[in-house]
C-alpha atoms as a PDB file:
ATOM      1  CA  MET A   1     106.031  83.389  91.772  1.00  0.00           C
ATOM      2  CA  ASP A   2     105.877  86.558  89.674  1.00  0.00           C
ATOM      3  CA  LYS A   3     108.080  86.637  86.605  1.00  0.00           C
ATOM      4  CA  LYS A   4     111.016  89.041  86.773  1.00  0.00           C
ATOM      5  CA  LYS A   5     110.448  91.924  84.365  1.00  0.00           C
ATOM      6  CA  ILE A   6     113.211  92.810  81.905  1.00  0.00           C
ATOM      7  CA  LEU A   7     113.431  95.931  79.754  1.00  0.00           C
ATOM      8  CA  LEU A   8     115.425  94.959  76.655  1.00  0.00           C
ATOM      9  CA  VAL A   9     116.533  97.914  74.511  1.00  0.00           C
ATOM     10  CA  GLU A  10     118.204  96.619  71.359  1.00  0.00           C
ATOM     11  CA  ASP A  11     117.966  98.164  67.873  1.00  0.00           C
ATOM     12  CA  ASP A  12     119.231  95.081  65.996  1.00  0.00           C
ATOM     13  CA  GLY A  13     115.945  93.458  64.969  1.00  0.00           C
ATOM     14  CA  ASN A  14     117.293  89.922  64.647  1.00  0.00           C
ATOM     15  CA  LEU A  15     119.232  89.938  67.933  1.00  0.00           C
ATOM     16  CA  GLY A  16     116.402  91.678  69.755  1.00  0.00           C
ATOM     17  CA  THR A  17     113.846  89.125  68.590  1.00  0.00           C
ATOM     18  CA  ILE A  18     116.096  86.176  69.456  1.00  0.00           C
ATOM     19  CA  LEU A  19     116.889  87.571  72.919  1.00  0.00           C
ATOM     20  CA  ASN A  20     113.245  88.399  73.570  1.00  0.00           C
ATOM     21  CA  GLU A  21     112.137  84.864  72.706  1.00  0.00           C
ATOM     22  CA  TYR A  22     115.000  83.201  74.588  1.00  0.00           C
ATOM     23  CA  LEU A  23     114.482  85.207  77.788  1.00  0.00           C
ATOM     24  CA  ASN A  24     110.746  84.552  77.669  1.00  0.00           C
ATOM     25  CA  VAL A  25     111.443  80.807  77.393  1.00  0.00           C
ATOM     26  CA  LYS A  26     113.718  81.164  80.442  1.00  0.00           C
ATOM     27  CA  GLY A  27     110.797  82.506  82.463  1.00  0.00           C
ATOM     28  CA  PHE A  28     111.247  86.273  82.225  1.00  0.00           C
ATOM     29  CA  ASP A  29     108.632  88.867  81.271  1.00  0.00           C
ATOM     30  CA  VAL A  30     110.385  90.873  78.535  1.00  0.00           C
ATOM     31  CA  THR A  31     109.506  94.258  77.054  1.00  0.00           C
ATOM     32  CA  HIS A  32     111.552  94.905  73.898  1.00  0.00           C
ATOM     33  CA  SER A  33     112.214  98.445  72.662  1.00  0.00           C
ATOM     34  CA  VAL A  34     114.128  99.194  69.465  1.00  0.00           C
ATOM     35  CA  ASN A  35     115.693 102.583  70.316  1.00  0.00           C
ATOM     36  CA  GLY A  36     116.613 104.708  73.320  1.00  0.00           C
ATOM     37  CA  GLU A  37     113.585 106.989  73.239  1.00  0.00           C
ATOM     38  CA  GLU A  38     111.184 104.062  73.023  1.00  0.00           C
ATOM     39  CA  GLY A  39     113.105 102.361  75.823  1.00  0.00           C
ATOM     40  CA  LEU A  40     112.805 105.410  78.087  1.00  0.00           C
ATOM     41  CA  TYR A  41     109.055 105.593  77.434  1.00  0.00           C
ATOM     42  CA  ALA A  42     108.695 101.894  78.282  1.00  0.00           C
ATOM     43  CA  PHE A  43     110.770 102.332  81.446  1.00  0.00           C
ATOM     44  CA  HIS A  44     108.432 105.034  82.728  1.00  0.00           C
ATOM     45  CA  SER A  45     105.347 102.994  81.774  1.00  0.00           C
ATOM     46  CA  LYS A  46     105.888 100.052  84.140  1.00  0.00           C
ATOM     47  CA  GLN A  47     108.180  98.648  86.803  1.00  0.00           C
ATOM     48  CA  PHE A  48     111.217  96.587  85.764  1.00  0.00           C
ATOM     49  CA  ASP A  49     113.575  94.396  87.762  1.00  0.00           C
ATOM     50  CA  ILE A  50     116.520  94.823  85.377  1.00  0.00           C
ATOM     51  CA  CYS A  51     117.368  96.643  82.126  1.00  0.00           C
ATOM     52  CA  ILE A  52     119.487  95.266  79.271  1.00  0.00           C
ATOM     53  CA  VAL A  53     120.631  98.162  77.096  1.00  0.00           C
ATOM     54  CA  ASP A  54     122.556  98.239  73.823  1.00  0.00           C
ATOM     55  CA  VAL A  55     125.134 101.039  73.754  1.00  0.00           C
ATOM     56  CA  MET A  56     124.995 102.069  70.077  1.00  0.00           C
ATOM     57  CA  MET A  57     121.403 102.971  69.210  1.00  0.00           C
ATOM     58  CA  PRO A  58     119.523 105.623  67.225  1.00  0.00           C
ATOM     59  CA  ARG A  59     117.304 108.242  68.876  1.00  0.00           C
ATOM     60  CA  MET A  60     119.226 108.227  72.176  1.00  0.00           C
ATOM     61  CA  ASP A  61     122.287 106.079  72.754  1.00  0.00           C
ATOM     62  CA  GLY A  62     122.540 103.512  75.533  1.00  0.00           C
ATOM     63  CA  PHE A  63     124.730 105.623  77.807  1.00  0.00           C
ATOM     64  CA  THR A  64     122.265 108.523  77.718  1.00  0.00           C
ATOM     65  CA  LEU A  65     119.356 106.166  78.349  1.00  0.00           C
ATOM     66  CA  ALA A  66     121.210 104.533  81.254  1.00  0.00           C
ATOM     67  CA  LYS A  67     121.849 107.916  82.878  1.00  0.00           C
ATOM     68  CA  LYS A  68     118.127 108.655  82.774  1.00  0.00           C
ATOM     69  CA  ILE A  69     117.286 105.192  84.164  1.00  0.00           C
ATOM     70  CA  ARG A  70     119.883 105.558  86.905  1.00  0.00           C
ATOM     71  CA  ALA A  71     118.496 108.979  87.843  1.00  0.00           C
ATOM     72  CA  ALA A  72     115.126 107.305  88.437  1.00  0.00           C
ATOM     73  CA  GLY A  73     116.456 104.829  90.986  1.00  0.00           C
ATOM     74  CA  ALA A  74     118.506 101.713  91.541  1.00  0.00           C
ATOM     75  CA  VAL A  75     117.232  99.442  88.750  1.00  0.00           C
ATOM     76  CA  PRO A  76     120.150  97.189  87.643  1.00  0.00           C
ATOM     77  CA  ILE A  77     121.562  97.752  84.136  1.00  0.00           C
ATOM     78  CA  ILE A  78     123.507  95.426  81.841  1.00  0.00           C
ATOM     79  CA  PHE A  79     125.107  96.992  78.765  1.00  0.00           C
ATOM     80  CA  LEU A  80     125.339  95.154  75.434  1.00  0.00           C
ATOM     81  CA  THR A  81     127.943  96.414  73.012  1.00  0.00           C
ATOM     82  CA  ALA A  82     129.913  95.427  69.933  1.00  0.00           C
ATOM     83  CA  LYS A  83     132.836  97.482  71.213  1.00  0.00           C
ATOM     84  CA  SER A  84     135.634  96.026  73.292  1.00  0.00           C
ATOM     85  CA  MET A  85     137.540  99.225  74.107  1.00  0.00           C
ATOM     86  CA  ALA A  86     138.339  99.711  77.780  1.00  0.00           C
ATOM     87  CA  ASN A  87     137.202 103.357  77.716  1.00  0.00           C
ATOM     88  CA  ASP A  88     133.653 102.344  76.794  1.00  0.00           C
ATOM     89  CA  LYS A  89     133.497  99.878  79.666  1.00  0.00           C
ATOM     90  CA  ILE A  90     134.868 102.463  82.077  1.00  0.00           C
ATOM     91  CA  GLU A  91     132.238 104.983  80.958  1.00  0.00           C
ATOM     92  CA  GLY A  92     129.518 102.363  81.366  1.00  0.00           C
ATOM     93  CA  PHE A  93     130.562 101.497  84.908  1.00  0.00           C
ATOM     94  CA  GLN A  94     130.915 105.175  85.815  1.00  0.00           C
ATOM     95  CA  ILE A  95     127.305 105.683  84.766  1.00  0.00           C
ATOM     96  CA  GLY A  96     126.329 102.892  87.139  1.00  0.00           C
ATOM     97  CA  ALA A  97     126.187  99.731  85.034  1.00  0.00           C
ATOM     98  CA  ASP A  98     126.030  96.463  86.959  1.00  0.00           C
ATOM     99  CA  ASP A  99     127.572  94.428  84.146  1.00  0.00           C
ATOM    100  CA  TYR A 100     128.880  94.712  80.603  1.00  0.00           C
ATOM    101  CA  VAL A 101     128.534  92.068  77.862  1.00  0.00           C
ATOM    102  CA  THR A 102     130.450  92.322  74.585  1.00  0.00           C
ATOM    103  CA  LYS A 103     128.899  90.982  71.386  1.00  0.00           C
ATOM    104  CA  PRO A 104     128.917  88.240  70.292  1.00  0.00           C
ATOM    105  CA  PHE A 105     127.981  86.584  73.568  1.00  0.00           C
ATOM    106  CA  SER A 106     126.469  83.375  74.878  1.00  0.00           C
ATOM    107  CA  MET A 107     122.806  83.767  75.784  1.00  0.00           C
ATOM    108  CA  GLU A 108     123.290  81.170  78.527  1.00  0.00           C
ATOM    109  CA  GLU A 109     126.016  83.366  80.020  1.00  0.00           C
ATOM    110  CA  LEU A 110     123.767  86.432  79.794  1.00  0.00           C
ATOM    111  CA  VAL A 111     121.038  84.601  81.739  1.00  0.00           C
ATOM    112  CA  LEU A 112     123.585  83.605  84.406  1.00  0.00           C
ATOM    113  CA  ARG A 113     124.644  87.229  84.749  1.00  0.00           C
ATOM    114  CA  ILE A 114     121.025  88.403  84.935  1.00  0.00           C
ATOM    115  CA  ASN A 115     120.230  85.879  87.659  1.00  0.00           C
ATOM    116  CA  ALA A 116     123.358  86.808  89.636  1.00  0.00           C
ATOM    117  CA  ILE A 117     122.413  90.497  89.626  1.00  0.00           C
ATOM    118  CA  LEU A 118     118.770  89.791  90.500  1.00  0.00           C
ATOM    119  CA  LYS A 119     119.854  87.535  93.362  1.00  0.00           C
ATOM    120  CA  ARG A 120     122.110  90.262  94.739  1.00  0.00           C
ATOM    121  CA  THR A 121     119.498  93.024  94.499  1.00  0.00           C
ATOM    122  CA  SER A 122     116.806  90.747  95.947  1.00  0.00           C
ATOM    123  CA  LYS A 123     119.117  89.924  98.854  1.00  0.00           C
ATOM    124  CA  HIS A 124     119.521  93.660  99.557  1.00  0.00           C
ATOM    125  CA  SER A 125     115.747  94.150  99.629  1.00  0.00           C
ATOM    126  CA  GLU A 126     115.296  91.084 101.852  1.00  0.00           C
ATOM    127  CA  GLU A 127     118.012  92.400 104.167  1.00  0.00           C
ATOM    128  CA  ILE A 128     116.002  95.590 104.668  1.00  0.00           C
ATOM    129  CA  ASN A 129     112.886  93.498 105.293  1.00  0.00           C
ATOM    130  CA  ARG A 130     114.626  91.231 107.793  1.00  0.00           C
ATOM    131  CA  ASN A 131     117.207  93.355 109.610  1.00  0.00           C
ATOM    132  CA  GLY A 132     116.076  96.865 108.896  1.00  0.00           C
ATOM    133  CA  CYS A 133     117.825  99.860 107.422  1.00  0.00           C
ATOM    134  CA  VAL A 134     120.316 102.121 109.182  1.00  0.00           C
ATOM    135  CA  ILE A 135     119.560 105.781 108.467  1.00  0.00           C
ATOM    136  CA  GLY A 136     122.088 107.928 110.288  1.00  0.00           C
ATOM    137  CA  GLU A 137     121.362 107.353 113.976  1.00  0.00           C
ATOM    138  CA  TYR A 138     117.988 105.742 113.225  1.00  0.00           C
ATOM    139  CA  ILE A 139     117.107 102.081 112.766  1.00  0.00           C
ATOM    140  CA  PHE A 140     114.133 101.374 110.497  1.00  0.00           C
ATOM    141  CA  ASN A 141     112.410  98.011 110.898  1.00  0.00           C
ATOM    142  CA  TYR A 142     110.161  97.595 107.866  1.00  0.00           C
ATOM    143  CA  GLU A 143     108.395  94.380 108.936  1.00  0.00           C
ATOM    144  CA  LYS A 144     107.403  95.837 112.332  1.00  0.00           C
ATOM    145  CA  ARG A 145     106.968  99.361 110.905  1.00  0.00           C
ATOM    146  CA  LEU A 146     109.178 100.831 113.635  1.00  0.00           C
ATOM    147  CA  LEU A 147     111.580 103.765 113.385  1.00  0.00           C
ATOM    148  CA  THR A 148     113.933 103.877 116.374  1.00  0.00           C
ATOM    149  CA  PHE A 149     116.144 106.752 117.511  1.00  0.00           C
ATOM    150  CA  LYS A 150     118.112 105.831 120.640  1.00  0.00           C
ATOM    151  CA  GLU A 151     115.351 104.960 123.138  1.00  0.00           C
ATOM    152  CA  LYS A 152     112.558 106.645 121.187  1.00  0.00           C
ATOM    153  CA  VAL A 153     110.389 104.416 118.973  1.00  0.00           C
ATOM    154  CA  GLN A 154     107.986 105.738 116.336  1.00  0.00           C
ATOM    155  CA  LYS A 155     105.306 103.405 114.983  1.00  0.00           C
ATOM    156  CA  LEU A 156     104.712 104.017 111.273  1.00  0.00           C
ATOM    157  CA  THR A 157     101.593 103.532 109.202  1.00  0.00           C
ATOM    158  CA  THR A 158     101.732 101.008 106.358  1.00  0.00           C
ATOM    159  CA  ARG A 159     102.217 103.677 103.701  1.00  0.00           C
ATOM    160  CA  GLU A 160     104.788 105.564 105.756  1.00  0.00           C
ATOM    161  CA  ALA A 161     106.760 102.315 106.077  1.00  0.00           C
ATOM    162  CA  GLU A 162     106.408 101.480 102.374  1.00  0.00           C
ATOM    163  CA  LEU A 163     107.600 104.945 101.358  1.00  0.00           C
ATOM    164  CA  LEU A 164     110.541 104.892 103.773  1.00  0.00           C
ATOM    165  CA  LYS A 165     111.516 101.433 102.495  1.00  0.00           C
ATOM    166  CA  LEU A 166     111.646 102.740  98.901  1.00  0.00           C
ATOM    167  CA  LEU A 167     113.758 105.681 100.070  1.00  0.00           C
ATOM    168  CA  CYS A 168     116.086 103.260 101.890  1.00  0.00           C
ATOM    169  CA  GLU A 169     116.428 101.029  98.833  1.00  0.00           C
ATOM    170  CA  ASN A 170     117.508 104.120  96.874  1.00  0.00           C
ATOM    171  CA  LYS A 171     119.433 105.806  99.699  1.00  0.00           C
ATOM    172  CA  ASN A 172     121.588 108.676  98.382  1.00  0.00           C
ATOM    173  CA  ASN A 173     120.027 108.122  94.950  1.00  0.00           C
ATOM    174  CA  LEU A 174     116.902 109.549  93.344  1.00  0.00           C
ATOM    175  CA  LEU A 175     113.565 107.899  94.087  1.00  0.00           C
ATOM    176  CA  GLU A 176     111.413 108.969  91.165  1.00  0.00           C
ATOM    177  CA  ARG A 177     108.021 110.347  92.181  1.00  0.00           C
ATOM    178  CA  SER A 178     106.131 108.371  89.517  1.00  0.00           C
ATOM    179  CA  ASN A 179     107.749 105.085  90.560  1.00  0.00           C
ATOM    180  CA  ALA A 180     106.788 105.593  94.205  1.00  0.00           C
ATOM    181  CA  LEU A 181     103.225 106.578  93.316  1.00  0.00           C
ATOM    182  CA  ILE A 182     102.699 103.493  91.137  1.00  0.00           C
ATOM    183  CA  LYS A 183     104.256 101.098  93.669  1.00  0.00           C
ATOM    184  CA  ILE A 184     102.427 102.428  96.739  1.00  0.00           C
ATOM    185  CA  TRP A 185      99.307 104.239  95.511  1.00  0.00           C
ATOM    186  CA  LYS A 186      98.901 102.345  92.187  1.00  0.00           C
ATOM    187  CA  ASN A 187      98.271 105.550  90.219  1.00  0.00           C
ATOM    188  CA  GLU A 188      99.795 108.969  89.523  1.00  0.00           C
ATOM    189  CA  SER A 189      96.829 111.282  90.001  1.00  0.00           C
ATOM    190  CA  TYR A 190      97.125 114.813  91.359  1.00  0.00           C
ATOM    191  CA  PHE A 191      95.516 113.768  94.645  1.00  0.00           C
ATOM    192  CA  THR A 192      97.798 110.796  95.272  1.00  0.00           C
ATOM    193  CA  SER A 193     100.797 112.986  94.429  1.00  0.00           C
ATOM    194  CA  ARG A 194      99.709 115.544  97.038  1.00  0.00           C
ATOM    195  CA  SER A 195      99.114 112.675  99.476  1.00  0.00           C
ATOM    196  CA  MET A 196     102.683 111.491  98.991  1.00  0.00           C
ATOM    197  CA  ASP A 197     103.967 115.009  99.735  1.00  0.00           C
ATOM    198  CA  VAL A 198     102.155 114.830 103.066  1.00  0.00           C
ATOM    199  CA  TYR A 199     103.815 111.483 103.861  1.00  0.00           C
ATOM    200  CA  ILE A 200     107.233 112.867 102.899  1.00  0.00           C
ATOM    201  CA  ALA A 201     106.680 115.769 105.319  1.00  0.00           C
ATOM    202  CA  LYS A 202     105.767 113.286 108.072  1.00  0.00           C
ATOM    203  CA  LEU A 203     108.922 111.246 107.445  1.00  0.00           C
ATOM    204  CA  ARG A 204     111.030 114.409 107.583  1.00  0.00           C
ATOM    205  CA  GLY A 205     109.475 115.144 110.972  1.00  0.00           C
ATOM    206  CA  TYR A 206     110.221 111.646 112.249  1.00  0.00           C
ATOM    207  CA  LEU A 207     113.878 111.908 111.139  1.00  0.00           C
ATOM    208  CA  LYS A 208     114.527 115.452 112.421  1.00  0.00           C
ATOM    209  CA  ASN A 209     116.511 114.331 115.497  1.00  0.00           C
ATOM    210  CA  ASP A 210     119.519 113.559 113.286  1.00  0.00           C
ATOM    211  CA  PRO A 211     120.464 116.739 111.372  1.00  0.00           C
ATOM    212  CA  SER A 212     122.758 114.756 109.036  1.00  0.00           C
ATOM    213  CA  ILE A 213     119.672 113.139 107.444  1.00  0.00           C
ATOM    214  CA  GLN A 214     117.800 114.928 104.676  1.00  0.00           C
ATOM    215  CA  ILE A 215     114.945 114.013 102.372  1.00  0.00           C
ATOM    216  CA  ILE A 216     115.632 116.315  99.451  1.00  0.00           C
ATOM    217  CA  ASN A 217     112.907 117.317  97.029  1.00  0.00           C
ATOM    218  CA  VAL A 218     114.271 117.128  93.465  1.00  0.00           C
ATOM    219  CA  HIS A 219     111.898 119.530  91.733  1.00  0.00           C
ATOM    220  CA  GLY A 220     109.485 117.825  89.360  1.00  0.00           C
ATOM    221  CA  THR A 221     111.334 114.515  89.577  1.00  0.00           C
ATOM    222  CA  GLY A 222     111.299 112.876  92.997  1.00  0.00           C
ATOM    223  CA  PHE A 223     113.133 112.633  96.306  1.00  0.00           C
ATOM    224  CA  LYS A 224     116.520 111.668  97.709  1.00  0.00           C
ATOM    225  CA  LEU A 225     117.098 110.261 101.182  1.00  0.00           C
ATOM    226  CA  MET A 226     120.580 111.583 102.011  1.00  0.00           C
ATOM    227  CA  SER A 227     122.452 109.901 104.846  1.00  0.00           C
ATOM    228  CA  GLU A 228     125.962 108.722 105.700  1.00  0.00           C
END
């Protein structure tokens, strides 16, 4: 089983080192960054299953970093903070945090929270695999690569199905172009990027029977599958 990948962004050297070592012992693959800018660079360099982000950091605070992470997709985020004020927690959850841990904290408790979030997000992905995804009036069956509208069934290619699954997992949120290219095409070259544009156009054609569905092109960033 592949190790779950954690992006840890913590500027306190001692705490960051201890957390890094502890989470590695617990079976996670941890990338530790010491400020927000470094964390953002790391986030765009590889795929992560969850991000643990300190709020108060130099060179981009945790809230700003989290907004940029959230704009790239649905990667879960846990905030670490020394503050206990309700307003900070409210701001964190408004940004899209999945959990909030106030320092000092138990590392055992942090691991329990990480596992709970990963279990929930994994269940959502498995649900799409098993039962499909409802997109407006369409039903998308990923395992069988079938897109059904009323009595009409469209068979998808493997890459069409993989791309639509990523859009479903991030429905009504941004799917970052670079993330999709790395996951499906394994690189971000000009040619694979143009190839993905062709697949997006095909998916738009398949979904045209329901005018409430849109795949929006967010210029220079990625795509959003918009649906009720």
